[in-house]
Amino acid sequence: MSARQDQPSLEKVWKSLENSARAIEEAMEALGGVRGQTMGRPSPAATEAGTTERSEELEFLLFSLGRERYAIEQSYVRGVFSDSITPLPGAGRALVGIALIEGTLTPIFDLGPLLGLPPTDRGEAKIVVLGSPAIEIGLLAEGPNELATLDTKRFASIPWRLDPSIAPLVRGVSPDGTTVLEGAAILSDERFFIDLLSPAAAEATDQPSEPYRAW
């Protein structure tokens, strides 16, 4: 076949390639415009998912230990009561004593020493009673005791310097610096289990505490 005979075929191929390149370029320009619109306006599904990630609000009871602010999820709180505690001989640093609260003999603990804080002033403290189907305990807490709605998605991670033995009891830190305690972890921690049938516990006061409700 001569070069003259090949020339028309080559021209056709070249024109075909040019047309294909032009079509690809136009398609890319159109795709770029669609992508720009998509990126500028999230889909409803993405917006809904983003809202779920941004907010998960729950009620928490706020209280103080010394100058530090703490919070615990309200679903674990049975109530807040006046201080009426009988000391237990030989109790550890966290166990303050026991109290008869609404007919239930309840061990009372001070989280201060466990958290590296000075012992809580019992004269100013109330008793925050936490409970689950398996256990009920009281924690000393200074006021004011109040409820607040907090967004759990905004909690910061626990401080890395926190004592490993205490870390499981801390859920996180709120934006205002409040330390959020983990109610489930406290109620399942063996350090808060005592034998209420011991002779020392049997000598507890039989006078019920005066109820004090924070809400």
Protein backbone atom coordinates (compact mmCIF):
# COMPACT_ATOMS: atom_id res chain seq x y z
CA MET A 1 0.00 0.00 0.00
CA SER A 2 1.41 3.42 -0.95
CA ALA A 3 1.95 6.37 1.42
CA ARG A 4 -0.65 8.33 -0.61
CA GLN A 5 -3.24 5.62 0.09
CA ASP A 6 -2.40 5.62 3.86
CA GLN A 7 -2.79 9.37 4.32
CA PRO A 8 -6.66 9.56 4.37
CA SER A 9 -6.81 6.77 6.93
CA LEU A 10 -4.32 8.50 9.21
CA GLU A 11 -6.22 11.78 8.95
CA LYS A 12 -9.45 10.01 9.97
CA VAL A 13 -7.73 8.42 12.97
CA TRP A 14 -6.24 11.74 14.03
CA LYS A 15 -9.58 13.54 13.77
CA SER A 16 -11.22 10.75 15.74
CA LEU A 17 -8.62 11.12 18.52
CA GLU A 18 -9.13 14.90 18.57
CA ASN A 19 -12.89 14.48 18.90
CA SER A 20 -12.44 11.93 21.70
CA ALA A 21 -10.04 14.22 23.57
CA ARG A 22 -12.46 17.14 23.24
CA ALA A 23 -15.34 14.98 24.51
CA ILE A 24 -13.29 13.84 27.50
CA GLU A 25 -12.32 17.44 28.30
CA GLU A 26 -15.96 18.59 28.18
CA ALA A 27 -17.01 15.68 30.39
CA MET A 28 -14.32 16.54 32.93
CA GLU A 29 -15.43 20.19 32.99
CA ALA A 30 -19.05 19.12 33.58
CA LEU A 31 -17.99 16.68 36.30
CA GLY A 32 -15.96 19.41 37.99
CA GLY A 33 -19.01 21.66 38.17
CA VAL A 34 -21.13 18.89 39.70
CA ARG A 35 -18.42 18.09 42.24
CA GLY A 36 -18.16 21.75 43.19
CA GLN A 37 -21.90 21.90 43.84
CA THR A 38 -21.80 18.68 45.85
CA MET A 39 -18.91 19.84 48.01
CA GLY A 40 -20.56 23.16 48.67
CA ARG A 41 -23.86 21.66 49.81
CA PRO A 42 -23.76 18.44 51.90
CA SER A 43 -26.39 15.82 51.24
CA PRO A 44 -29.26 15.47 53.75
CA ALA A 45 -27.83 12.14 54.93
CA ALA A 46 -24.44 13.73 55.60
CA THR A 47 -26.05 16.64 57.41
CA GLU A 48 -28.07 14.28 59.59
CA ALA A 49 -25.00 12.18 60.38
CA GLY A 50 -23.02 15.30 61.23
CA THR A 51 -25.70 16.46 63.63
CA THR A 52 -25.62 13.10 65.38
CA GLU A 53 -21.86 13.31 65.79
CA ARG A 54 -21.93 16.88 67.05
CA SER A 55 -24.44 16.51 69.86
CA GLU A 56 -25.41 13.95 72.50
CA GLU A 57 -26.84 15.83 75.47
CA LEU A 58 -27.51 14.22 78.85
CA GLU A 59 -28.35 15.52 82.33
CA PHE A 60 -25.58 15.56 84.93
CA LEU A 61 -25.44 16.40 88.62
CA LEU A 62 -22.76 19.00 89.33
CA PHE A 63 -20.93 19.22 92.66
CA SER A 64 -17.61 20.28 94.14
CA LEU A 65 -14.75 18.66 96.01
CA GLY A 66 -12.60 21.46 97.39
CA ARG A 67 -12.01 23.86 94.52
CA GLU A 68 -12.57 21.24 91.86
CA ARG A 69 -15.85 20.83 89.96
CA TYR A 70 -17.24 17.38 89.17
CA ALA A 71 -20.24 15.95 87.36
CA ILE A 72 -21.90 12.55 87.22
CA GLU A 73 -24.70 11.38 84.95
CA GLN A 74 -28.04 11.94 86.65
CA SER A 75 -29.34 8.46 85.74
CA TYR A 76 -27.01 6.98 88.41
CA VAL A 77 -28.12 9.42 91.13
CA ARG A 78 -30.76 8.29 93.63
CA GLY A 79 -30.83 11.61 95.49
CA VAL A 80 -28.90 14.12 97.59
CA PHE A 81 -29.19 13.94 101.40
CA SER A 82 -28.01 15.79 104.49
CA ASP A 83 -24.86 14.62 106.24
CA SER A 84 -25.67 12.05 108.93
CA ILE A 85 -22.79 9.58 109.09
CA THR A 86 -21.50 7.13 111.67
CA PRO A 87 -17.73 6.53 111.37
CA LEU A 88 -16.43 2.98 111.04
CA PRO A 89 -13.37 2.02 113.14
CA GLY A 90 -10.41 1.06 110.98
CA ALA A 91 -12.01 2.30 107.76
CA GLY A 92 -9.73 3.10 104.82
CA ARG A 93 -8.92 6.57 103.59
CA ALA A 94 -11.91 6.72 101.23
CA LEU A 95 -14.56 5.10 103.45
CA VAL A 96 -16.01 7.80 105.73
CA GLY A 97 -18.62 5.67 107.47
CA ILE A 98 -22.19 4.50 107.03
CA ALA A 99 -25.57 6.19 107.18
CA LEU A 100 -29.16 5.01 107.30
CA ILE A 101 -30.75 6.69 104.30
CA GLU A 102 -34.42 6.11 103.62
CA GLY A 103 -34.24 2.83 105.52
CA THR A 104 -31.14 1.56 103.72
CA LEU A 105 -27.76 1.18 105.40
CA THR A 106 -25.47 2.95 102.97
CA PRO A 107 -21.65 3.14 102.94
CA ILE A 108 -20.39 6.70 102.49
CA PHE A 109 -17.16 7.44 100.64
CA ASP A 110 -14.99 10.49 100.11
CA LEU A 111 -13.58 10.60 96.58
CA GLY A 112 -11.19 13.39 97.54
CA PRO A 113 -8.30 11.21 98.78
CA LEU A 114 -8.69 8.85 95.81
CA LEU A 115 -8.48 11.81 93.42
CA GLY A 116 -5.45 13.29 95.13
CA LEU A 117 -7.45 15.99 96.94
CA PRO A 118 -7.62 16.88 100.66
CA PRO A 119 -10.39 15.14 102.66
CA THR A 120 -13.80 16.71 102.08
CA ASP A 121 -15.16 18.96 104.84
CA ARG A 122 -18.00 16.88 106.28
CA GLY A 123 -19.54 19.93 107.94
CA GLU A 124 -20.34 21.47 104.54
CA ALA A 125 -20.91 18.30 102.55
CA LYS A 126 -24.03 16.53 101.37
CA ILE A 127 -24.34 12.86 100.46
CA VAL A 128 -24.91 12.03 96.80
CA VAL A 129 -26.39 8.54 96.69
CA LEU A 130 -25.57 6.52 93.59
CA GLY A 131 -27.32 3.29 92.80
CA SER A 132 -27.68 0.35 90.46
CA PRO A 133 -29.68 -2.87 90.81
CA ALA A 134 -26.66 -4.46 92.53
CA ILE A 135 -25.30 -1.74 94.81
CA GLU A 136 -26.01 1.62 96.43
CA ILE A 137 -23.33 3.93 97.85
CA GLY A 138 -23.03 7.52 99.00
CA LEU A 139 -20.39 10.06 98.02
CA LEU A 140 -19.52 13.20 99.95
CA ALA A 141 -20.11 16.27 97.80
CA GLU A 142 -19.89 19.98 98.44
CA GLY A 143 -22.35 22.41 96.89
CA PRO A 144 -23.94 23.88 95.11
CA ASN A 145 -25.54 20.67 93.84
CA GLU A 146 -27.38 21.36 90.62
CA LEU A 147 -28.42 19.67 87.40
CA ALA A 148 -27.03 20.72 84.05
CA THR A 149 -27.31 19.46 80.48
CA LEU A 150 -23.91 18.61 79.01
CA ASP A 151 -22.97 17.55 75.49
CA THR A 152 -20.96 14.35 75.85
CA LYS A 153 -19.52 14.74 72.34
CA ARG A 154 -17.62 17.79 73.58
CA PHE A 155 -15.89 16.00 76.45
CA ALA A 156 -12.11 16.03 76.21
CA SER A 157 -10.09 12.91 76.95
CA ILE A 158 -8.96 12.31 80.52
CA PRO A 159 -5.60 13.86 81.44
CA TRP A 160 -2.76 11.49 80.52
CA ARG A 161 -1.06 12.14 83.86
CA LEU A 162 -4.04 10.81 85.80
CA ASP A 163 -3.24 7.92 88.16
CA PRO A 164 -4.03 4.66 86.29
CA SER A 165 -6.00 3.42 89.31
CA ILE A 166 -8.31 6.45 89.03
CA ALA A 167 -8.53 6.76 85.23
CA PRO A 168 -11.41 4.23 84.86
CA LEU A 169 -13.55 6.38 87.18
CA VAL A 170 -13.25 9.44 84.94
CA ARG A 171 -15.36 9.78 81.82
CA GLY A 172 -13.77 12.96 80.48
CA VAL A 173 -13.51 16.72 80.96
CA SER A 174 -16.20 19.20 79.87
CA PRO A 175 -15.28 22.41 77.98
CA ASP A 176 -15.45 24.46 81.20
CA GLY A 177 -12.97 22.18 82.97
CA THR A 178 -15.46 20.10 84.96
CA THR A 179 -14.25 16.54 85.55
CA VAL A 180 -16.99 14.11 84.53
CA LEU A 181 -17.08 10.90 86.56
CA GLU A 182 -18.17 7.52 85.19
CA GLY A 183 -21.08 6.33 87.33
CA ALA A 184 -21.06 2.75 86.08
CA ALA A 185 -17.34 2.38 86.83
CA ILE A 186 -17.73 3.73 90.37
CA LEU A 187 -20.61 1.38 91.13
CA SER A 188 -18.66 -1.63 89.86
CA ASP A 189 -15.31 -0.77 91.50
CA GLU A 190 -14.41 -3.19 94.30
CA ARG A 191 -12.94 -0.33 96.34
CA PHE A 192 -16.50 0.77 97.03
CA PHE A 193 -17.70 -2.63 98.27
CA ILE A 194 -17.87 -3.19 102.06
CA ASP A 195 -19.38 -5.83 104.34
CA LEU A 196 -22.39 -4.16 105.94
CA LEU A 197 -22.85 -7.24 108.17
CA SER A 198 -19.58 -6.59 110.01
CA PRO A 199 -19.80 -5.75 113.76
CA ALA A 200 -18.65 -2.18 113.10
CA ALA A 201 -21.39 -1.61 110.53
CA ALA A 202 -23.99 -3.08 112.87
CA GLU A 203 -23.39 -0.18 115.27
CA ALA A 204 -24.52 2.42 112.73
CA THR A 205 -27.01 5.08 113.72
CA ASP A 206 -30.68 4.21 113.45
CA GLN A 207 -31.70 7.84 112.87
CA PRO A 208 -32.59 8.47 109.21
CA SER A 209 -30.93 11.31 107.38
CA GLU A 210 -32.87 14.41 106.53
CA PRO A 211 -33.59 14.33 102.80
CA TYR A 212 -32.14 17.15 100.73
CA ARG A 213 -33.11 17.30 97.07
CA ALA A 214 -31.07 19.34 94.64
CA TRP A 215 -33.83 19.32 92.00
